[in-house]
Amino acid sequence: LSLSLVLLGFNGKRIEVLLAKSKNPEYEGELFLPSQNLLANEDFREVAESMFLHLFGYAPGVLEQLKAFGKVSRSRGGRVVNIAHYALVKTSDFKAEEWSEYGMYWCDIENIPQLAFDHNEIIEYATERLARRVRRRPVGFEMLPPEFTIGQLIKLYEKALKKKIDKRNFRKKVFKTYLLEEVDRKASGKVFGQQKGSQLYRFNIKAYEMMKGSEYPFQF
């Protein structure tokens, strides 16, 4: 029994997933998702939370179990059932230099190479889950920097939904929710994905708490 963690982040222009390079002799050099073998008495969520905390140094805001992946042929060493989870993160929070010995890096979800086991299938399932979630909850804000532009928010939704969005309609809907607070400064252009001079915003968590239980208006 094992657990893999699909860590999805947004770098300002693209949605990325965190990959690692295997040191297992049977899979040496192959890329895979951060994973861990499970003991019979271990709780799935506790293990996933512990893995996240180890990598990022804080508890996850969005962490969900996906499903069990258990094809007989998924592992060369015999059948291993994988209880996959996914979490949403800010890519800037990951200190790659601290994990260089594991060959960990962010990879664009639109250009993922062939991975070990069935990890390509797991990532595909996770991105489908993300697409459903962003339609019903403002989970995308977990992937944005503390201050972001409307352009970044639109790009995030386009990448998550894998389609172009009517920008005018999007702006109209998002401002009706009061989920955004205007920051008293403009983008400097030094942050990747932020156009210089664009208005900066931050997520209004109080407005979101008031919305809970009501219909989420982001239907695109």
C-alpha atoms as a PDB file:
ATOM      1  CA  LEU A   1       0.000   0.000   0.000  1.00  0.00           C
ATOM      2  CA  SER A   2       1.359   3.439  -0.907  1.00  0.00           C
ATOM      3  CA  LEU A   3       0.294   7.083  -1.065  1.00  0.00           C
ATOM      4  CA  SER A   4       1.160   9.614  -3.769  1.00  0.00           C
ATOM      5  CA  LEU A   5       0.647  13.352  -3.497  1.00  0.00           C
ATOM      6  CA  VAL A   6      -0.259  15.444  -6.542  1.00  0.00           C
ATOM      7  CA  LEU A   7       0.928  18.951  -5.668  1.00  0.00           C
ATOM      8  CA  LEU A   8      -0.545  21.489  -8.076  1.00  0.00           C
ATOM      9  CA  GLY A   9       0.758  25.048  -8.142  1.00  0.00           C
ATOM     10  CA  PHE A  10       0.476  28.122 -10.365  1.00  0.00           C
ATOM     11  CA  ASN A  11       3.622  29.998 -11.401  1.00  0.00           C
ATOM     12  CA  GLY A  12       1.792  33.078 -12.704  1.00  0.00           C
ATOM     13  CA  LYS A  13       1.189  31.735 -16.207  1.00  0.00           C
ATOM     14  CA  ARG A  14       0.967  27.936 -15.972  1.00  0.00           C
ATOM     15  CA  ILE A  15      -0.330  25.251 -13.632  1.00  0.00           C
ATOM     16  CA  GLU A  16       2.514  22.968 -12.602  1.00  0.00           C
ATOM     17  CA  VAL A  17       2.926  19.701 -10.705  1.00  0.00           C
ATOM     18  CA  LEU A  18       5.814  18.782  -8.414  1.00  0.00           C
ATOM     19  CA  LEU A  19       7.834  15.767  -9.588  1.00  0.00           C
ATOM     20  CA  ALA A  20      10.795  13.862  -8.145  1.00  0.00           C
ATOM     21  CA  LYS A  21      13.469  11.569  -9.579  1.00  0.00           C
ATOM     22  CA  SER A  22      13.462   7.987  -8.307  1.00  0.00           C
ATOM     23  CA  LYS A  23      16.473   6.480  -6.510  1.00  0.00           C
ATOM     24  CA  ASN A  24      14.897   3.034  -6.363  1.00  0.00           C
ATOM     25  CA  PRO A  25      17.218   0.712  -8.362  1.00  0.00           C
ATOM     26  CA  GLU A  26      14.233  -0.717 -10.222  1.00  0.00           C
ATOM     27  CA  TYR A  27      13.085   2.763 -11.316  1.00  0.00           C
ATOM     28  CA  GLU A  28      16.339   4.714 -11.014  1.00  0.00           C
ATOM     29  CA  GLY A  29      16.250   8.043 -12.839  1.00  0.00           C
ATOM     30  CA  GLU A  30      12.541   7.832 -13.652  1.00  0.00           C
ATOM     31  CA  LEU A  31      10.242  10.669 -12.654  1.00  0.00           C
ATOM     32  CA  PHE A  32       7.333  10.165 -10.283  1.00  0.00           C
ATOM     33  CA  LEU A  33       5.043  11.933  -7.813  1.00  0.00           C
ATOM     34  CA  PRO A  34       6.171  12.423  -4.195  1.00  0.00           C
ATOM     35  CA  SER A  35       5.163   9.083  -2.661  1.00  0.00           C
ATOM     36  CA  GLN A  36       5.440   7.031   0.481  1.00  0.00           C
ATOM     37  CA  ASN A  37       4.774   3.428   1.440  1.00  0.00           C
ATOM     38  CA  LEU A  38       2.061   2.980   4.062  1.00  0.00           C
ATOM     39  CA  LEU A  39       1.913   0.840   7.168  1.00  0.00           C
ATOM     40  CA  ALA A  40      -1.299  -1.048   7.928  1.00  0.00           C
ATOM     41  CA  ASN A  41      -2.153   1.201  10.903  1.00  0.00           C
ATOM     42  CA  GLU A  42      -1.427   4.560   9.264  1.00  0.00           C
ATOM     43  CA  ASP A  43      -4.203   7.034   8.498  1.00  0.00           C
ATOM     44  CA  PHE A  44      -4.232   8.177   4.846  1.00  0.00           C
ATOM     45  CA  ARG A  45      -4.941  11.835   5.519  1.00  0.00           C
ATOM     46  CA  GLU A  46      -2.435  12.076   8.353  1.00  0.00           C
ATOM     47  CA  VAL A  47       0.296  10.683   6.102  1.00  0.00           C
ATOM     48  CA  ALA A  48      -0.644  13.084   3.270  1.00  0.00           C
ATOM     49  CA  GLU A  49      -0.627  16.038   5.674  1.00  0.00           C
ATOM     50  CA  SER A  50       2.734  14.953   7.078  1.00  0.00           C
ATOM     51  CA  MET A  51       4.231  14.701   3.570  1.00  0.00           C
ATOM     52  CA  PHE A  52       2.928  18.169   2.710  1.00  0.00           C
ATOM     53  CA  LEU A  53       4.246  19.658   5.963  1.00  0.00           C
ATOM     54  CA  HIS A  54       7.655  18.101   5.348  1.00  0.00           C
ATOM     55  CA  LEU A  55       7.871  19.655   1.886  1.00  0.00           C
ATOM     56  CA  PHE A  56       6.362  23.087   2.552  1.00  0.00           C
ATOM     57  CA  GLY A  57       6.657  23.716   6.286  1.00  0.00           C
ATOM     58  CA  TYR A  58       2.977  24.466   6.894  1.00  0.00           C
ATOM     59  CA  ALA A  59      -0.364  22.640   6.846  1.00  0.00           C
ATOM     60  CA  PRO A  60      -2.227  22.414   3.505  1.00  0.00           C
ATOM     61  CA  GLY A  61      -5.227  24.659   2.834  1.00  0.00           C
ATOM     62  CA  VAL A  62      -6.731  22.308   0.254  1.00  0.00           C
ATOM     63  CA  LEU A  63      -5.956  18.594   0.521  1.00  0.00           C
ATOM     64  CA  GLU A  64      -8.282  15.860  -0.769  1.00  0.00           C
ATOM     65  CA  GLN A  65      -8.170  12.126  -1.281  1.00  0.00           C
ATOM     66  CA  LEU A  66      -8.648  11.230  -4.942  1.00  0.00           C
ATOM     67  CA  LYS A  67      -9.149   7.476  -5.165  1.00  0.00           C
ATOM     68  CA  ALA A  68      -7.326   4.158  -5.053  1.00  0.00           C
ATOM     69  CA  PHE A  69      -5.236   3.193  -8.089  1.00  0.00           C
ATOM     70  CA  GLY A  70      -4.692  -0.545  -8.060  1.00  0.00           C
ATOM     71  CA  LYS A  71      -4.112  -2.039 -11.497  1.00  0.00           C
ATOM     72  CA  VAL A  72      -2.204  -5.316 -11.243  1.00  0.00           C
ATOM     73  CA  SER A  73       0.387  -4.081 -13.756  1.00  0.00           C
ATOM     74  CA  ARG A  74       1.002  -0.636 -12.192  1.00  0.00           C
ATOM     75  CA  SER A  75       4.184  -1.749 -10.376  1.00  0.00           C
ATOM     76  CA  ARG A  76       7.045  -3.938 -11.625  1.00  0.00           C
ATOM     77  CA  GLY A  77       7.630  -5.392  -8.178  1.00  0.00           C
ATOM     78  CA  GLY A  78       4.139  -6.769  -7.708  1.00  0.00           C
ATOM     79  CA  ARG A  79       0.744  -5.268  -7.047  1.00  0.00           C
ATOM     80  CA  VAL A  80       0.818  -2.082  -4.953  1.00  0.00           C
ATOM     81  CA  VAL A  81      -2.405  -0.148  -4.347  1.00  0.00           C
ATOM     82  CA  ASN A  82      -1.905   3.624  -4.309  1.00  0.00           C
ATOM     83  CA  ILE A  83      -4.212   5.913  -2.305  1.00  0.00           C
ATOM     84  CA  ALA A  84      -3.665   9.162  -4.223  1.00  0.00           C
ATOM     85  CA  HIS A  85      -4.289  12.633  -2.794  1.00  0.00           C
ATOM     86  CA  TYR A  86      -3.972  16.098  -4.258  1.00  0.00           C
ATOM     87  CA  ALA A  87      -3.207  19.480  -2.734  1.00  0.00           C
ATOM     88  CA  LEU A  88      -3.080  23.054  -4.012  1.00  0.00           C
ATOM     89  CA  VAL A  89      -0.016  25.176  -3.274  1.00  0.00           C
ATOM     90  CA  LYS A  90       1.899  28.304  -4.139  1.00  0.00           C
ATOM     91  CA  THR A  91       4.922  27.231  -6.198  1.00  0.00           C
ATOM     92  CA  SER A  92       7.050  29.955  -4.600  1.00  0.00           C
ATOM     93  CA  ASP A  93       6.636  28.267  -1.205  1.00  0.00           C
ATOM     94  CA  PHE A  94       8.666  25.247  -2.313  1.00  0.00           C
ATOM     95  CA  LYS A  95      12.383  25.647  -1.631  1.00  0.00           C
ATOM     96  CA  ALA A  96      13.817  23.530  -4.457  1.00  0.00           C
ATOM     97  CA  GLU A  97      17.405  23.961  -3.276  1.00  0.00           C
ATOM     98  CA  GLU A  98      16.562  22.067  -0.068  1.00  0.00           C
ATOM     99  CA  TRP A  99      15.419  19.061  -2.112  1.00  0.00           C
ATOM    100  CA  SER A 100      18.029  19.061  -4.890  1.00  0.00           C
ATOM    101  CA  GLU A 101      19.308  15.576  -3.972  1.00  0.00           C
ATOM    102  CA  TYR A 102      15.864  14.201  -4.851  1.00  0.00           C
ATOM    103  CA  GLY A 103      15.776  15.942  -8.226  1.00  0.00           C
ATOM    104  CA  MET A 104      12.466  17.620  -7.424  1.00  0.00           C
ATOM    105  CA  TYR A 105      11.148  20.265  -9.784  1.00  0.00           C
ATOM    106  CA  TRP A 106       7.941  21.865 -11.079  1.00  0.00           C
ATOM    107  CA  CYS A 107       6.637  20.598 -14.419  1.00  0.00           C
ATOM    108  CA  ASP A 108       3.984  22.206 -16.635  1.00  0.00           C
ATOM    109  CA  ILE A 109       0.889  19.950 -16.524  1.00  0.00           C
ATOM    110  CA  GLU A 110       0.502  20.417 -20.271  1.00  0.00           C
ATOM    111  CA  ASN A 111       3.971  18.936 -20.922  1.00  0.00           C
ATOM    112  CA  ILE A 112       4.344  16.047 -18.494  1.00  0.00           C
ATOM    113  CA  PRO A 113       6.796  13.335 -19.638  1.00  0.00           C
ATOM    114  CA  GLN A 114       6.186   9.628 -19.169  1.00  0.00           C
ATOM    115  CA  LEU A 115       6.278   8.928 -15.429  1.00  0.00           C
ATOM    116  CA  ALA A 116       6.879   5.786 -13.400  1.00  0.00           C
ATOM    117  CA  PHE A 117       3.982   3.559 -12.350  1.00  0.00           C
ATOM    118  CA  ASP A 118       0.598   5.040 -13.366  1.00  0.00           C
ATOM    119  CA  HIS A 119       1.419   8.535 -12.153  1.00  0.00           C
ATOM    120  CA  ASN A 120       0.402  10.151 -15.447  1.00  0.00           C
ATOM    121  CA  GLU A 121      -3.074   8.725 -14.902  1.00  0.00           C
ATOM    122  CA  ILE A 122      -3.130   9.997 -11.315  1.00  0.00           C
ATOM    123  CA  ILE A 123      -2.191  13.531 -12.422  1.00  0.00           C
ATOM    124  CA  GLU A 124      -4.893  13.487 -15.100  1.00  0.00           C
ATOM    125  CA  TYR A 125      -7.472  12.483 -12.491  1.00  0.00           C
ATOM    126  CA  ALA A 126      -6.260  15.255 -10.157  1.00  0.00           C
ATOM    127  CA  THR A 127      -6.526  17.954 -12.838  1.00  0.00           C
ATOM    128  CA  GLU A 128     -10.074  16.806 -13.620  1.00  0.00           C
ATOM    129  CA  ARG A 129     -10.883  17.176  -9.924  1.00  0.00           C
ATOM    130  CA  LEU A 130      -9.358  20.675  -9.917  1.00  0.00           C
ATOM    131  CA  ALA A 131     -11.523  21.688 -12.900  1.00  0.00           C
ATOM    132  CA  ARG A 132     -14.653  20.627 -11.009  1.00  0.00           C
ATOM    133  CA  ARG A 133     -13.588  22.343  -7.806  1.00  0.00           C
ATOM    134  CA  VAL A 134     -12.808  25.763  -9.298  1.00  0.00           C
ATOM    135  CA  ARG A 135     -16.359  25.917 -10.651  1.00  0.00           C
ATOM    136  CA  ARG A 136     -17.838  25.541  -7.179  1.00  0.00           C
ATOM    137  CA  ARG A 137     -15.317  26.959  -4.713  1.00  0.00           C
ATOM    138  CA  PRO A 138     -12.631  29.658  -4.840  1.00  0.00           C
ATOM    139  CA  VAL A 139      -9.901  27.043  -4.310  1.00  0.00           C
ATOM    140  CA  GLY A 140      -7.768  28.677  -6.990  1.00  0.00           C
ATOM    141  CA  PHE A 141      -6.791  31.396  -4.532  1.00  0.00           C
ATOM    142  CA  GLU A 142      -4.681  28.770  -2.722  1.00  0.00           C
ATOM    143  CA  MET A 143      -2.445  28.738  -5.810  1.00  0.00           C
ATOM    144  CA  LEU A 144      -2.053  32.493  -6.277  1.00  0.00           C
ATOM    145  CA  PRO A 145       0.495  34.756  -4.591  1.00  0.00           C
ATOM    146  CA  PRO A 146      -0.869  36.921  -1.732  1.00  0.00           C
ATOM    147  CA  GLU A 147      -1.186  39.806  -4.205  1.00  0.00           C
ATOM    148  CA  PHE A 148      -2.164  39.081  -7.799  1.00  0.00           C
ATOM    149  CA  THR A 149      -3.606  40.680 -10.915  1.00  0.00           C
ATOM    150  CA  ILE A 150      -6.932  39.977 -12.634  1.00  0.00           C
ATOM    151  CA  GLY A 151      -4.883  38.734 -15.578  1.00  0.00           C
ATOM    152  CA  GLN A 152      -3.265  36.079 -13.374  1.00  0.00           C
ATOM    153  CA  LEU A 153      -6.633  35.032 -11.945  1.00  0.00           C
ATOM    154  CA  ILE A 154      -8.122  34.668 -15.430  1.00  0.00           C
ATOM    155  CA  LYS A 155      -5.089  32.707 -16.649  1.00  0.00           C
ATOM    156  CA  LEU A 156      -5.352  30.365 -13.652  1.00  0.00           C
ATOM    157  CA  TYR A 157      -9.011  29.620 -14.408  1.00  0.00           C
ATOM    158  CA  GLU A 158      -8.321  29.141 -18.113  1.00  0.00           C
ATOM    159  CA  LYS A 159      -5.561  26.647 -17.326  1.00  0.00           C
ATOM    160  CA  ALA A 160      -7.647  24.820 -14.719  1.00  0.00           C
ATOM    161  CA  LEU A 161     -10.709  24.582 -16.984  1.00  0.00           C
ATOM    162  CA  LYS A 162      -8.623  24.021 -20.137  1.00  0.00           C
ATOM    163  CA  LYS A 163     -10.579  26.571 -22.135  1.00  0.00           C
ATOM    164  CA  LYS A 164     -10.686  30.272 -22.953  1.00  0.00           C
ATOM    165  CA  ILE A 165     -12.842  32.461 -20.710  1.00  0.00           C
ATOM    166  CA  ASP A 166     -14.869  35.524 -21.633  1.00  0.00           C
ATOM    167  CA  LYS A 167     -12.717  38.032 -19.733  1.00  0.00           C
ATOM    168  CA  ARG A 168     -15.395  40.722 -19.498  1.00  0.00           C
ATOM    169  CA  ASN A 169     -17.951  38.275 -18.112  1.00  0.00           C
ATOM    170  CA  PHE A 170     -15.386  36.854 -15.687  1.00  0.00           C
ATOM    171  CA  ARG A 171     -14.498  40.285 -14.302  1.00  0.00           C
ATOM    172  CA  LYS A 172     -18.180  41.152 -13.919  1.00  0.00           C
ATOM    173  CA  LYS A 173     -18.901  37.958 -11.971  1.00  0.00           C
ATOM    174  CA  VAL A 174     -15.839  38.046  -9.740  1.00  0.00           C
ATOM    175  CA  PHE A 175     -16.346  41.660  -8.659  1.00  0.00           C
ATOM    176  CA  LYS A 176     -19.971  40.937  -7.749  1.00  0.00           C
ATOM    177  CA  THR A 177     -18.768  38.404  -5.161  1.00  0.00           C
ATOM    178  CA  TYR A 178     -16.594  40.821  -3.161  1.00  0.00           C
ATOM    179  CA  LEU A 179     -13.988  38.048  -3.055  1.00  0.00           C
ATOM    180  CA  LEU A 180     -11.311  40.510  -4.182  1.00  0.00           C
ATOM    181  CA  GLU A 181      -9.875  43.392  -2.212  1.00  0.00           C
ATOM    182  CA  GLU A 182      -8.021  46.084  -4.129  1.00  0.00           C
ATOM    183  CA  VAL A 183      -4.467  46.714  -2.942  1.00  0.00           C
ATOM    184  CA  ASP A 184      -3.247  50.321  -2.905  1.00  0.00           C
ATOM    185  CA  ARG A 185      -0.500  49.723  -5.445  1.00  0.00           C
ATOM    186  CA  LYS A 186       0.131  48.473  -8.956  1.00  0.00           C
ATOM    187  CA  ALA A 187       2.233  45.582 -10.184  1.00  0.00           C
ATOM    188  CA  SER A 188       5.926  46.408 -10.599  1.00  0.00           C
ATOM    189  CA  GLY A 189       6.348  43.932 -13.448  1.00  0.00           C
ATOM    190  CA  LYS A 190       9.066  42.078 -11.514  1.00  0.00           C
ATOM    191  CA  VAL A 191       6.799  39.202 -10.460  1.00  0.00           C
ATOM    192  CA  PHE A 192       6.440  36.495 -13.114  1.00  0.00           C
ATOM    193  CA  GLY A 193       3.028  36.674 -14.775  1.00  0.00           C
ATOM    194  CA  GLN A 194       2.217  40.192 -13.541  1.00  0.00           C
ATOM    195  CA  GLN A 195       2.090  42.933 -16.157  1.00  0.00           C
ATOM    196  CA  LYS A 196       3.652  46.190 -15.006  1.00  0.00           C
ATOM    197  CA  GLY A 197       1.073  48.799 -14.005  1.00  0.00           C
ATOM    198  CA  SER A 198      -1.774  46.284 -13.504  1.00  0.00           C
ATOM    199  CA  GLN A 199      -3.912  46.713 -10.405  1.00  0.00           C
ATOM    200  CA  LEU A 200      -3.120  44.269  -7.596  1.00  0.00           C
ATOM    201  CA  TYR A 201      -5.739  42.435  -5.536  1.00  0.00           C
ATOM    202  CA  ARG A 202      -5.870  40.024  -2.621  1.00  0.00           C
ATOM    203  CA  PHE A 203      -8.361  37.353  -1.604  1.00  0.00           C
ATOM    204  CA  ASN A 204     -11.065  38.500   0.833  1.00  0.00           C
ATOM    205  CA  ILE A 205     -11.484  35.478   3.090  1.00  0.00           C
ATOM    206  CA  LYS A 206     -14.254  37.149   5.134  1.00  0.00           C
ATOM    207  CA  ALA A 207     -16.385  37.514   2.001  1.00  0.00           C
ATOM    208  CA  TYR A 208     -15.784  33.848   1.209  1.00  0.00           C
ATOM    209  CA  GLU A 209     -16.855  32.749   4.703  1.00  0.00           C
ATOM    210  CA  MET A 210     -20.112  34.668   4.221  1.00  0.00           C
ATOM    211  CA  MET A 211     -20.677  32.913   0.879  1.00  0.00           C
ATOM    212  CA  LYS A 212     -20.364  29.396   2.279  1.00  0.00           C
ATOM    213  CA  GLY A 213     -23.567  27.438   1.827  1.00  0.00           C
ATOM    214  CA  SER A 214     -24.821  29.658  -0.982  1.00  0.00           C
ATOM    215  CA  GLU A 215     -24.525  29.069  -4.714  1.00  0.00           C
ATOM    216  CA  TYR A 216     -21.031  29.769  -5.985  1.00  0.00           C
ATOM    217  CA  PRO A 217     -21.277  32.169  -8.951  1.00  0.00           C
ATOM    218  CA  PHE A 218     -18.233  31.096 -10.989  1.00  0.00           C
ATOM    219  CA  GLN A 219     -20.028  29.174 -13.726  1.00  0.00           C
ATOM    220  CA  PHE A 220     -17.970  29.480 -16.904  1.00  0.00           C
END
